[in-house]
Amino acid sequence: MPVNVFVTGTIRSGTTFVGRALASADNCIYLHEPFNPDSPWNAAIPTPINHFYISEHNAKIYEGRFNSLLKLRPAIKGKWLESHRQERTEYIEKAIPKGLSRENLNIIIKDPIALFCTEWLADRWGLKPVLVVRDPRDVVNSIFRLSWAKNLQPMFLRTQPLLVRRLKEMEEQLGLSKCISTEFSEDNLTTVIRYLKPSYLALLYFARISKFQMLCYERSTLQPDVEFLRLFDDLSIPMSDTFKSSLSKATNTFDASRTHQNTYAPVSVKRIKQLRDDTEDLPAVDDKIIIDAFAEIRSGFAQLVDWWE
C-alpha cells in the first residue's frame, strides 16, 4: 500500500529539507506547499489565505479537489491556469518510474502553511504527519535575515474565528496561556512572535495529544543517521542508497543557507556553527525576549525534545 506523508512545522523550520529527504526514496513524489496561495500547486487546492484552516466546517469545498490531488490528477480549472495545469501534469508524469502507475507512488506533501489542517489531513485522508520542530530563536533569526518580519502580521487569526476557537481548546488542554493574540504590532519582533506562537502551540498539541511523528531539526543535524533512519522506518518508507550515503559526514554537502536546493544531505554541525558565528543578527532580534516569549511552549516540549542547550 502506498504511504502518503504530510510534512509540516513552522516556516523556516526545515520542512522543505525533510520533505525532499523523504521524497528521495524510491517510488515517491514530492508536492511543494499545495495549500500556500503563492505556490503553483495551490491551483489544485485554491486556499484563499496563508494558514487557512480546513476542518468539518468547510471541508466540502475542498474534498473533491484534494481527492483529485491525492490521485495525482489535480483538478486545475480555468483557461487562465492552463500553464499551471501543463506544468503540474508534466511534473507528475516525469516522477512516475517506468512500469509503475500513479496509484503505486508514495506522496510526500510538504507544507508549513497548512499546519492547522493537520487534523483534517490525518483523520479524513489518512496522511501520516511529520512535525518538524526547530528552536524558535533560529526560526526568528532566519525570518529577520530574509527581511520577512514586516509581512507576518497574524491576520490569519483575525479572519478565522473557528481556528482561534480550536487553538484556545488546544491551549486549555495543554494547560498553557497567552499563546494566541490577534493584535497587530508596530514592533517587528513582537509581530513575528505573535505570528509564530499559534504554530508552536499546534505543534505541541499534535505531538503530545495526537502523538504524530516528530523530527527535531537540531537533533537531526547532530545525529542524522539515527534520526532519519528512525523516521523512514516509522513511516514504512525504504530509504534510498543516495540519501543513506548523504548521511555520512564524508559526503555531507548540504548548505543550510540554500534550503530549497535539490539536495538531500542534512546540515552539518560545522555548517550550523559557521552560520551562527559568521552571521550577525539584526539589532531587533533579542534572544532573551524570544526565550521568555516561548517559555511555556518550551516547558511543554521538555519531555519530547531538547530545544536549547
C-alpha atoms as a PDB file:
ATOM      1  CA  MET A   1       0.000   0.000   0.000  1.00  0.00           C
ATOM      2  CA  PRO A   2       1.313   3.483  -0.846  1.00  0.00           C
ATOM      3  CA  VAL A   3       2.208   5.761   2.062  1.00  0.00           C
ATOM      4  CA  ASN A   4       1.064   9.381   1.976  1.00  0.00           C
ATOM      5  CA  VAL A   5       3.021  11.709   4.256  1.00  0.00           C
ATOM      6  CA  PHE A   6       2.367  15.294   5.348  1.00  0.00           C
ATOM      7  CA  VAL A   7       5.475  17.233   6.434  1.00  0.00           C
ATOM      8  CA  THR A   8       4.746  20.421   8.345  1.00  0.00           C
ATOM      9  CA  GLY A   9       6.029  22.759  11.050  1.00  0.00           C
ATOM     10  CA  THR A  10       6.631  26.479  11.336  1.00  0.00           C
ATOM     11  CA  ILE A  11       8.060  28.433   8.425  1.00  0.00           C
ATOM     12  CA  ARG A  12      11.900  28.350   8.338  1.00  0.00           C
ATOM     13  CA  SER A  13      11.999  25.139  10.379  1.00  0.00           C
ATOM     14  CA  GLY A  14      13.480  22.779   7.765  1.00  0.00           C
ATOM     15  CA  THR A  15      10.276  21.307   6.348  1.00  0.00           C
ATOM     16  CA  THR A  16      11.490  21.608   2.754  1.00  0.00           C
ATOM     17  CA  PHE A  17      14.638  19.684   3.548  1.00  0.00           C
ATOM     18  CA  VAL A  18      12.745  16.925   5.402  1.00  0.00           C
ATOM     19  CA  GLY A  19      10.121  16.686   2.660  1.00  0.00           C
ATOM     20  CA  ARG A  20      12.740  16.358  -0.063  1.00  0.00           C
ATOM     21  CA  ALA A  21      14.684  13.856   2.031  1.00  0.00           C
ATOM     22  CA  LEU A  22      11.634  11.595   2.331  1.00  0.00           C
ATOM     23  CA  ALA A  23      10.840  12.068  -1.361  1.00  0.00           C
ATOM     24  CA  SER A  24      14.322  10.852  -2.260  1.00  0.00           C
ATOM     25  CA  ALA A  25      13.090   7.338  -1.506  1.00  0.00           C
ATOM     26  CA  ASP A  26      12.099   5.075  -4.390  1.00  0.00           C
ATOM     27  CA  ASN A  27       8.560   5.398  -5.721  1.00  0.00           C
ATOM     28  CA  CYS A  28       7.926   8.744  -4.028  1.00  0.00           C
ATOM     29  CA  ILE A  29       6.687  12.049  -5.400  1.00  0.00           C
ATOM     30  CA  TYR A  30       7.147  15.439  -3.708  1.00  0.00           C
ATOM     31  CA  LEU A  31       4.369  18.070  -3.724  1.00  0.00           C
ATOM     32  CA  HIS A  32       5.530  21.502  -2.593  1.00  0.00           C
ATOM     33  CA  GLU A  33       3.066  23.543  -0.494  1.00  0.00           C
ATOM     34  CA  PRO A  34      -0.285  22.970  -2.225  1.00  0.00           C
ATOM     35  CA  PHE A  35      -2.074  24.979   0.499  1.00  0.00           C
ATOM     36  CA  ASN A  36       0.195  28.014   0.048  1.00  0.00           C
ATOM     37  CA  PRO A  37      -1.526  30.706  -2.070  1.00  0.00           C
ATOM     38  CA  ASP A  38       1.887  31.612  -3.523  1.00  0.00           C
ATOM     39  CA  SER A  39       2.682  28.067  -4.716  1.00  0.00           C
ATOM     40  CA  PRO A  40       1.932  26.736  -8.240  1.00  0.00           C
ATOM     41  CA  TRP A  41       0.354  23.662  -6.605  1.00  0.00           C
ATOM     42  CA  ASN A  42      -2.261  25.914  -4.990  1.00  0.00           C
ATOM     43  CA  ALA A  43      -4.063  25.972  -8.322  1.00  0.00           C
ATOM     44  CA  ALA A  44      -5.169  22.441  -7.403  1.00  0.00           C
ATOM     45  CA  ILE A  45      -6.427  23.455  -3.931  1.00  0.00           C
ATOM     46  CA  PRO A  46      -7.131  27.198  -4.105  1.00  0.00           C
ATOM     47  CA  THR A  47      -6.954  28.172  -0.434  1.00  0.00           C
ATOM     48  CA  PRO A  48      -7.536  31.933  -0.063  1.00  0.00           C
ATOM     49  CA  ILE A  49      -5.026  32.918   2.663  1.00  0.00           C
ATOM     50  CA  ASN A  50      -1.899  31.677   4.417  1.00  0.00           C
ATOM     51  CA  HIS A  51      -2.555  29.314   7.335  1.00  0.00           C
ATOM     52  CA  PHE A  52      -6.056  28.577   6.096  1.00  0.00           C
ATOM     53  CA  TYR A  53      -7.963  26.267   8.441  1.00  0.00           C
ATOM     54  CA  ILE A  54      -9.815  23.296   6.930  1.00  0.00           C
ATOM     55  CA  SER A  55     -11.991  21.087   9.125  1.00  0.00           C
ATOM     56  CA  GLU A  56     -15.537  19.736   9.019  1.00  0.00           C
ATOM     57  CA  HIS A  57     -16.994  23.254   8.896  1.00  0.00           C
ATOM     58  CA  ASN A  58     -15.685  23.954   5.380  1.00  0.00           C
ATOM     59  CA  ALA A  59     -14.321  20.613   4.167  1.00  0.00           C
ATOM     60  CA  LYS A  60     -16.905  20.024   1.429  1.00  0.00           C
ATOM     61  CA  ILE A  61     -15.456  22.839  -0.649  1.00  0.00           C
ATOM     62  CA  TYR A  62     -12.010  21.210  -0.704  1.00  0.00           C
ATOM     63  CA  GLU A  63     -12.642  17.459  -0.505  1.00  0.00           C
ATOM     64  CA  GLY A  64     -13.095  16.895  -4.238  1.00  0.00           C
ATOM     65  CA  ARG A  65     -10.028  18.957  -5.111  1.00  0.00           C
ATOM     66  CA  PHE A  66      -7.834  17.258  -2.534  1.00  0.00           C
ATOM     67  CA  ASN A  67      -9.044  13.802  -3.526  1.00  0.00           C
ATOM     68  CA  SER A  68      -8.017  14.573  -7.117  1.00  0.00           C
ATOM     69  CA  LEU A  69      -4.596  15.722  -5.924  1.00  0.00           C
ATOM     70  CA  LEU A  70      -4.057  12.505  -3.948  1.00  0.00           C
ATOM     71  CA  LYS A  71      -4.870  10.578  -7.110  1.00  0.00           C
ATOM     72  CA  LEU A  72      -2.184  12.723  -8.804  1.00  0.00           C
ATOM     73  CA  ARG A  73      -4.748  14.056 -11.232  1.00  0.00           C
ATOM     74  CA  PRO A  74      -5.065  17.622  -9.918  1.00  0.00           C
ATOM     75  CA  ALA A  75      -8.297  19.388 -10.847  1.00  0.00           C
ATOM     76  CA  ILE A  76      -6.865  22.702 -12.052  1.00  0.00           C
ATOM     77  CA  LYS A  77      -9.762  24.574 -13.623  1.00  0.00           C
ATOM     78  CA  GLY A  78      -9.942  27.686 -15.777  1.00  0.00           C
ATOM     79  CA  LYS A  79      -8.290  28.662 -19.060  1.00  0.00           C
ATOM     80  CA  TRP A  80      -6.103  31.227 -17.318  1.00  0.00           C
ATOM     81  CA  LEU A  81      -4.496  28.362 -15.326  1.00  0.00           C
ATOM     82  CA  GLU A  82      -3.544  26.374 -18.438  1.00  0.00           C
ATOM     83  CA  SER A  83       0.202  26.870 -17.891  1.00  0.00           C
ATOM     84  CA  HIS A  84      -0.066  25.643 -14.272  1.00  0.00           C
ATOM     85  CA  ARG A  85      -2.085  22.630 -15.403  1.00  0.00           C
ATOM     86  CA  GLN A  86       0.517  21.664 -18.007  1.00  0.00           C
ATOM     87  CA  GLU A  87       3.446  22.204 -15.613  1.00  0.00           C
ATOM     88  CA  ARG A  88       1.866  20.082 -12.839  1.00  0.00           C
ATOM     89  CA  THR A  89       0.889  17.312 -15.284  1.00  0.00           C
ATOM     90  CA  GLU A  90       4.405  17.171 -16.739  1.00  0.00           C
ATOM     91  CA  TYR A  91       5.929  17.139 -13.252  1.00  0.00           C
ATOM     92  CA  ILE A  92       3.786  14.165 -12.204  1.00  0.00           C
ATOM     93  CA  GLU A  93       4.405  12.219 -15.394  1.00  0.00           C
ATOM     94  CA  LYS A  94       8.172  12.644 -15.073  1.00  0.00           C
ATOM     95  CA  ALA A  95       8.033  11.440 -11.451  1.00  0.00           C
ATOM     96  CA  ILE A  96       6.379   8.106 -12.288  1.00  0.00           C
ATOM     97  CA  PRO A  97       9.024   5.381 -12.652  1.00  0.00           C
ATOM     98  CA  LYS A  98       8.779   3.110 -15.649  1.00  0.00           C
ATOM     99  CA  GLY A  99       6.465   0.186 -15.083  1.00  0.00           C
ATOM    100  CA  LEU A 100       4.555   1.902 -12.262  1.00  0.00           C
ATOM    101  CA  SER A 101       1.326   3.871 -12.135  1.00  0.00           C
ATOM    102  CA  ARG A 102       0.182   6.879 -10.143  1.00  0.00           C
ATOM    103  CA  GLU A 103      -1.575   4.559  -7.685  1.00  0.00           C
ATOM    104  CA  ASN A 104       1.750   2.987  -6.656  1.00  0.00           C
ATOM    105  CA  LEU A 105       3.543   6.198  -5.679  1.00  0.00           C
ATOM    106  CA  ASN A 106       4.104   7.371  -2.119  1.00  0.00           C
ATOM    107  CA  ILE A 107       3.050  11.028  -1.917  1.00  0.00           C
ATOM    108  CA  ILE A 108       5.102  13.413   0.221  1.00  0.00           C
ATOM    109  CA  ILE A 109       3.214  16.675   0.770  1.00  0.00           C
ATOM    110  CA  LYS A 110       5.304  19.399   2.379  1.00  0.00           C
ATOM    111  CA  ASP A 111       3.513  22.495   3.643  1.00  0.00           C
ATOM    112  CA  PRO A 112       4.093  24.537   6.818  1.00  0.00           C
ATOM    113  CA  ILE A 113       1.353  26.915   5.660  1.00  0.00           C
ATOM    114  CA  ALA A 114      -1.151  24.045   6.091  1.00  0.00           C
ATOM    115  CA  LEU A 115      -0.157  23.252   9.686  1.00  0.00           C
ATOM    116  CA  PHE A 116      -3.650  23.980  11.010  1.00  0.00           C
ATOM    117  CA  CYS A 117      -5.136  21.487   8.517  1.00  0.00           C
ATOM    118  CA  THR A 118      -3.120  18.623  10.037  1.00  0.00           C
ATOM    119  CA  GLU A 119      -6.048  17.023  11.868  1.00  0.00           C
ATOM    120  CA  TRP A 120      -8.214  17.079   8.735  1.00  0.00           C
ATOM    121  CA  LEU A 121      -5.436  15.627   6.600  1.00  0.00           C
ATOM    122  CA  ALA A 122      -4.730  12.840   9.088  1.00  0.00           C
ATOM    123  CA  ASP A 123      -8.292  11.948  10.104  1.00  0.00           C
ATOM    124  CA  ARG A 124     -10.073  12.345   6.770  1.00  0.00           C
ATOM    125  CA  TRP A 125      -7.343  11.261   4.334  1.00  0.00           C
ATOM    126  CA  GLY A 126      -5.031   9.053   6.375  1.00  0.00           C
ATOM    127  CA  LEU A 127      -1.903  11.122   5.749  1.00  0.00           C
ATOM    128  CA  LYS A 128       0.934  10.457   8.192  1.00  0.00           C
ATOM    129  CA  PRO A 129       2.001  13.817   9.693  1.00  0.00           C
ATOM    130  CA  VAL A 130       5.671  14.580  10.328  1.00  0.00           C
ATOM    131  CA  LEU A 131       6.112  17.590  12.600  1.00  0.00           C
ATOM    132  CA  VAL A 132       9.423  19.382  12.121  1.00  0.00           C
ATOM    133  CA  VAL A 133      10.344  21.355  15.240  1.00  0.00           C
ATOM    134  CA  ARG A 134      13.124  23.933  15.412  1.00  0.00           C
ATOM    135  CA  ASP A 135      14.379  26.252  18.155  1.00  0.00           C
ATOM    136  CA  PRO A 136      12.281  29.449  17.896  1.00  0.00           C
ATOM    137  CA  ARG A 137      15.417  31.584  18.220  1.00  0.00           C
ATOM    138  CA  ASP A 138      16.772  30.171  14.968  1.00  0.00           C
ATOM    139  CA  VAL A 139      13.389  30.432  13.253  1.00  0.00           C
ATOM    140  CA  VAL A 140      13.005  34.095  14.247  1.00  0.00           C
ATOM    141  CA  ASN A 141      16.588  34.920  13.270  1.00  0.00           C
ATOM    142  CA  SER A 142      16.077  33.265   9.897  1.00  0.00           C
ATOM    143  CA  ILE A 143      12.923  35.332   9.313  1.00  0.00           C
ATOM    144  CA  PHE A 144      14.805  38.538  10.061  1.00  0.00           C
ATOM    145  CA  ARG A 145      17.712  37.595   7.796  1.00  0.00           C
ATOM    146  CA  LEU A 146      15.239  37.197   4.949  1.00  0.00           C
ATOM    147  CA  SER A 147      13.528  40.526   5.808  1.00  0.00           C
ATOM    148  CA  TRP A 148      10.165  38.777   6.150  1.00  0.00           C
ATOM    149  CA  ALA A 149       9.278  40.270   9.538  1.00  0.00           C
ATOM    150  CA  LYS A 150       7.153  43.177   8.286  1.00  0.00           C
ATOM    151  CA  ASN A 151       4.883  40.845   6.301  1.00  0.00           C
ATOM    152  CA  LEU A 152       3.959  38.423   9.090  1.00  0.00           C
ATOM    153  CA  GLN A 153       1.094  40.050  10.995  1.00  0.00           C
ATOM    154  CA  PRO A 154      -1.375  37.500  12.480  1.00  0.00           C
ATOM    155  CA  MET A 155      -4.134  38.391  10.012  1.00  0.00           C
ATOM    156  CA  PHE A 156      -4.962  34.685   9.541  1.00  0.00           C
ATOM    157  CA  LEU A 157      -6.266  34.608  13.126  1.00  0.00           C
ATOM    158  CA  ARG A 158      -8.436  37.711  12.788  1.00  0.00           C
ATOM    159  CA  THR A 159     -10.278  36.306   9.788  1.00  0.00           C
ATOM    160  CA  GLN A 160     -10.797  32.757  11.134  1.00  0.00           C
ATOM    161  CA  PRO A 161     -12.726  32.691  14.431  1.00  0.00           C
ATOM    162  CA  LEU A 162     -13.170  28.900  14.261  1.00  0.00           C
ATOM    163  CA  LEU A 163      -9.391  28.483  14.104  1.00  0.00           C
ATOM    164  CA  VAL A 164      -8.970  30.757  17.126  1.00  0.00           C
ATOM    165  CA  ARG A 165     -11.568  28.683  18.994  1.00  0.00           C
ATOM    166  CA  ARG A 166      -9.746  25.440  18.129  1.00  0.00           C
ATOM    167  CA  LEU A 167      -6.392  26.890  19.201  1.00  0.00           C
ATOM    168  CA  LYS A 168      -7.870  28.037  22.512  1.00  0.00           C
ATOM    169  CA  GLU A 169      -9.137  24.492  23.057  1.00  0.00           C
ATOM    170  CA  MET A 170      -5.598  23.214  22.449  1.00  0.00           C
ATOM    171  CA  GLU A 171      -4.191  25.856  24.782  1.00  0.00           C
ATOM    172  CA  GLU A 172      -6.600  24.905  27.565  1.00  0.00           C
ATOM    173  CA  GLN A 173      -5.996  21.173  27.152  1.00  0.00           C
ATOM    174  CA  LEU A 174      -2.224  21.681  27.353  1.00  0.00           C
ATOM    175  CA  GLY A 175      -2.533  23.989  30.372  1.00  0.00           C
ATOM    176  CA  LEU A 176      -0.893  26.934  28.601  1.00  0.00           C
ATOM    177  CA  SER A 177      -1.856  30.602  28.391  1.00  0.00           C
ATOM    178  CA  LYS A 178      -1.464  33.646  26.148  1.00  0.00           C
ATOM    179  CA  CYS A 179      -0.288  31.752  23.068  1.00  0.00           C
ATOM    180  CA  ILE A 180      -2.816  33.457  20.819  1.00  0.00           C
ATOM    181  CA  SER A 181      -3.001  37.160  20.019  1.00  0.00           C
ATOM    182  CA  THR A 182      -4.885  38.784  17.154  1.00  0.00           C
ATOM    183  CA  GLU A 183      -3.466  42.233  17.913  1.00  0.00           C
ATOM    184  CA  PHE A 184      -1.200  43.969  15.421  1.00  0.00           C
ATOM    185  CA  SER A 185       2.122  45.451  16.471  1.00  0.00           C
ATOM    186  CA  GLU A 186       4.499  48.049  15.092  1.00  0.00           C
ATOM    187  CA  ASP A 187       7.436  46.212  16.670  1.00  0.00           C
ATOM    188  CA  ASN A 188       8.764  43.618  14.232  1.00  0.00           C
ATOM    189  CA  LEU A 189       9.980  41.177  16.864  1.00  0.00           C
ATOM    190  CA  THR A 190       6.645  41.235  18.704  1.00  0.00           C
ATOM    191  CA  THR A 191       4.897  40.744  15.371  1.00  0.00           C
ATOM    192  CA  VAL A 192       6.921  37.654  14.475  1.00  0.00           C
ATOM    193  CA  ILE A 193       6.446  36.116  17.918  1.00  0.00           C
ATOM    194  CA  ARG A 194       2.664  36.628  17.726  1.00  0.00           C
ATOM    195  CA  TYR A 195       2.692  35.123  14.245  1.00  0.00           C
ATOM    196  CA  LEU A 196       4.665  32.022  15.273  1.00  0.00           C
ATOM    197  CA  LYS A 197       3.254  31.127  18.695  1.00  0.00           C
ATOM    198  CA  PRO A 198      -0.037  29.630  17.410  1.00  0.00           C
ATOM    199  CA  SER A 199       2.011  27.319  15.161  1.00  0.00           C
ATOM    200  CA  TYR A 200       4.187  26.152  18.061  1.00  0.00           C
ATOM    201  CA  LEU A 201       1.039  25.645  20.159  1.00  0.00           C
ATOM    202  CA  ALA A 202      -0.468  23.440  17.431  1.00  0.00           C
ATOM    203  CA  LEU A 203       2.796  21.513  17.013  1.00  0.00           C
ATOM    204  CA  LEU A 204       2.952  20.824  20.748  1.00  0.00           C
ATOM    205  CA  TYR A 205      -0.667  19.692  20.770  1.00  0.00           C
ATOM    206  CA  PHE A 206      -0.209  17.387  17.773  1.00  0.00           C
ATOM    207  CA  ALA A 207       2.981  15.924  19.258  1.00  0.00           C
ATOM    208  CA  ARG A 208       1.628  15.358  22.773  1.00  0.00           C
ATOM    209  CA  ILE A 209      -2.077  14.651  22.288  1.00  0.00           C
ATOM    210  CA  SER A 210      -2.250  13.189  18.782  1.00  0.00           C
ATOM    211  CA  LYS A 211       1.236  11.658  19.055  1.00  0.00           C
ATOM    212  CA  PHE A 212       2.103  12.415  15.446  1.00  0.00           C
ATOM    213  CA  GLN A 213       5.630  11.720  14.229  1.00  0.00           C
ATOM    214  CA  MET A 214       8.088  14.455  15.219  1.00  0.00           C
ATOM    215  CA  LEU A 215      11.569  15.352  13.982  1.00  0.00           C
ATOM    216  CA  CYS A 216      13.740  17.858  15.827  1.00  0.00           C
ATOM    217  CA  TYR A 217      15.772  19.988  13.405  1.00  0.00           C
ATOM    218  CA  GLU A 218      18.718  20.333  15.784  1.00  0.00           C
ATOM    219  CA  ARG A 219      18.813  16.673  16.726  1.00  0.00           C
ATOM    220  CA  SER A 220      18.571  15.577  13.084  1.00  0.00           C
ATOM    221  CA  THR A 221      21.673  17.628  12.258  1.00  0.00           C
ATOM    222  CA  LEU A 222      23.662  16.231  15.184  1.00  0.00           C
ATOM    223  CA  GLN A 223      22.640  12.595  14.641  1.00  0.00           C
ATOM    224  CA  PRO A 224      21.296  12.394  11.092  1.00  0.00           C
ATOM    225  CA  ASP A 225      21.903   8.673  10.734  1.00  0.00           C
ATOM    226  CA  VAL A 226      19.909   7.873  13.882  1.00  0.00           C
ATOM    227  CA  GLU A 227      17.072  10.367  13.375  1.00  0.00           C
ATOM    228  CA  PHE A 228      16.425   9.784   9.678  1.00  0.00           C
ATOM    229  CA  LEU A 229      16.726   6.013   9.889  1.00  0.00           C
ATOM    230  CA  ARG A 230      14.115   6.143  12.648  1.00  0.00           C
ATOM    231  CA  LEU A 231      11.867   8.444  10.609  1.00  0.00           C
ATOM    232  CA  PHE A 232      11.991   6.349   7.434  1.00  0.00           C
ATOM    233  CA  ASP A 233      11.411   3.181   9.440  1.00  0.00           C
ATOM    234  CA  ASP A 234       8.448   4.602  11.388  1.00  0.00           C
ATOM    235  CA  LEU A 235       6.823   5.758   8.137  1.00  0.00           C
ATOM    236  CA  SER A 236       7.499   2.391   6.434  1.00  0.00           C
ATOM    237  CA  ILE A 237       9.330   4.112   3.574  1.00  0.00           C
ATOM    238  CA  PRO A 238      12.541   2.453   2.334  1.00  0.00           C
ATOM    239  CA  MET A 239      15.498   4.835   2.400  1.00  0.00           C
ATOM    240  CA  SER A 240      17.302   5.209  -0.924  1.00  0.00           C
ATOM    241  CA  ASP A 241      21.004   4.466  -1.234  1.00  0.00           C
ATOM    242  CA  THR A 242      21.560   8.067  -2.357  1.00  0.00           C
ATOM    243  CA  PHE A 243      20.146   9.537   0.822  1.00  0.00           C
ATOM    244  CA  LYS A 244      21.768   6.904   3.017  1.00  0.00           C
ATOM    245  CA  SER A 245      25.118   7.911   1.542  1.00  0.00           C
ATOM    246  CA  SER A 246      24.415  11.576   2.232  1.00  0.00           C
ATOM    247  CA  LEU A 247      24.116  10.822   5.959  1.00  0.00           C
ATOM    248  CA  SER A 248      27.838  10.146   6.031  1.00  0.00           C
ATOM    249  CA  LYS A 249      29.980  13.028   7.306  1.00  0.00           C
ATOM    250  CA  ALA A 250      32.323  12.483   4.388  1.00  0.00           C
ATOM    251  CA  THR A 251      29.602  13.185   1.833  1.00  0.00           C
ATOM    252  CA  ASN A 252      27.606  15.780   3.759  1.00  0.00           C
ATOM    253  CA  THR A 253      27.399  18.769   1.417  1.00  0.00           C
ATOM    254  CA  PHE A 254      24.043  20.330   2.270  1.00  0.00           C
ATOM    255  CA  ASP A 255      24.163  24.121   2.637  1.00  0.00           C
ATOM    256  CA  ALA A 256      21.726  25.489   5.240  1.00  0.00           C
ATOM    257  CA  SER A 257      21.589  28.863   3.528  1.00  0.00           C
ATOM    258  CA  ARG A 258      20.004  27.264   0.427  1.00  0.00           C
ATOM    259  CA  THR A 259      17.181  25.202   1.897  1.00  0.00           C
ATOM    260  CA  HIS A 260      15.283  24.897  -1.383  1.00  0.00           C
ATOM    261  CA  GLN A 261      18.159  23.395  -3.334  1.00  0.00           C
ATOM    262  CA  ASN A 262      17.622  19.934  -4.749  1.00  0.00           C
ATOM    263  CA  THR A 263      19.953  18.020  -2.424  1.00  0.00           C
ATOM    264  CA  TYR A 264      19.227  15.608   0.374  1.00  0.00           C
ATOM    265  CA  ALA A 265      22.104  15.732   2.859  1.00  0.00           C
ATOM    266  CA  PRO A 266      21.311  17.251   6.275  1.00  0.00           C
ATOM    267  CA  VAL A 267      23.021  20.359   7.582  1.00  0.00           C
ATOM    268  CA  SER A 268      26.402  19.591   9.081  1.00  0.00           C
ATOM    269  CA  VAL A 269      27.162  20.644  12.657  1.00  0.00           C
ATOM    270  CA  LYS A 270      30.145  22.596  11.333  1.00  0.00           C
ATOM    271  CA  ARG A 271      27.909  24.492   8.927  1.00  0.00           C
ATOM    272  CA  ILE A 272      25.435  25.383  11.703  1.00  0.00           C
ATOM    273  CA  LYS A 273      28.267  26.772  13.824  1.00  0.00           C
ATOM    274  CA  GLN A 274      29.544  28.801  10.874  1.00  0.00           C
ATOM    275  CA  LEU A 275      26.113  30.288  10.293  1.00  0.00           C
ATOM    276  CA  ARG A 276      25.702  31.198  13.953  1.00  0.00           C
ATOM    277  CA  ASP A 277      29.214  32.593  14.310  1.00  0.00           C
ATOM    278  CA  ASP A 278      29.532  34.409  10.990  1.00  0.00           C
ATOM    279  CA  THR A 279      26.040  35.857  10.529  1.00  0.00           C
ATOM    280  CA  GLU A 280      25.303  38.963  12.541  1.00  0.00           C
ATOM    281  CA  ASP A 281      21.781  39.176  13.917  1.00  0.00           C
ATOM    282  CA  LEU A 282      19.812  42.308  13.241  1.00  0.00           C
ATOM    283  CA  PRO A 283      19.599  44.610  16.270  1.00  0.00           C
ATOM    284  CA  ALA A 284      15.840  43.990  16.616  1.00  0.00           C
ATOM    285  CA  VAL A 285      16.345  40.289  17.389  1.00  0.00           C
ATOM    286  CA  ASP A 286      16.753  39.783  21.139  1.00  0.00           C
ATOM    287  CA  ASP A 287      17.279  36.161  22.158  1.00  0.00           C
ATOM    288  CA  LYS A 288      16.131  36.796  25.730  1.00  0.00           C
ATOM    289  CA  ILE A 289      12.790  38.175  24.542  1.00  0.00           C
ATOM    290  CA  ILE A 290      12.312  35.116  22.303  1.00  0.00           C
ATOM    291  CA  ILE A 291      13.216  32.701  25.115  1.00  0.00           C
ATOM    292  CA  ASP A 292      10.832  34.434  27.536  1.00  0.00           C
ATOM    293  CA  ALA A 293       8.028  34.535  24.954  1.00  0.00           C
ATOM    294  CA  PHE A 294       8.272  30.790  24.278  1.00  0.00           C
ATOM    295  CA  ALA A 295       8.976  29.724  27.889  1.00  0.00           C
ATOM    296  CA  GLU A 296       5.649  27.896  28.331  1.00  0.00           C
ATOM    297  CA  ILE A 297       5.941  26.258  24.922  1.00  0.00           C
ATOM    298  CA  ARG A 298       9.456  25.126  25.734  1.00  0.00           C
ATOM    299  CA  SER A 299       8.298  23.687  29.045  1.00  0.00           C
ATOM    300  CA  GLY A 300       5.550  21.798  27.235  1.00  0.00           C
ATOM    301  CA  PHE A 301       8.061  20.264  24.835  1.00  0.00           C
ATOM    302  CA  ALA A 302      10.590  19.431  27.567  1.00  0.00           C
ATOM    303  CA  GLN A 303       9.716  15.733  27.719  1.00  0.00           C
ATOM    304  CA  LEU A 304       9.651  15.380  23.941  1.00  0.00           C
ATOM    305  CA  VAL A 305      12.732  17.190  22.663  1.00  0.00           C
ATOM    306  CA  ASP A 306      15.714  19.211  23.945  1.00  0.00           C
ATOM    307  CA  TRP A 307      15.363  22.562  22.222  1.00  0.00           C
ATOM    308  CA  TRP A 308      18.082  24.593  23.945  1.00  0.00           C
ATOM    309  CA  GLU A 309      21.457  23.536  25.215  1.00  0.00           C
END
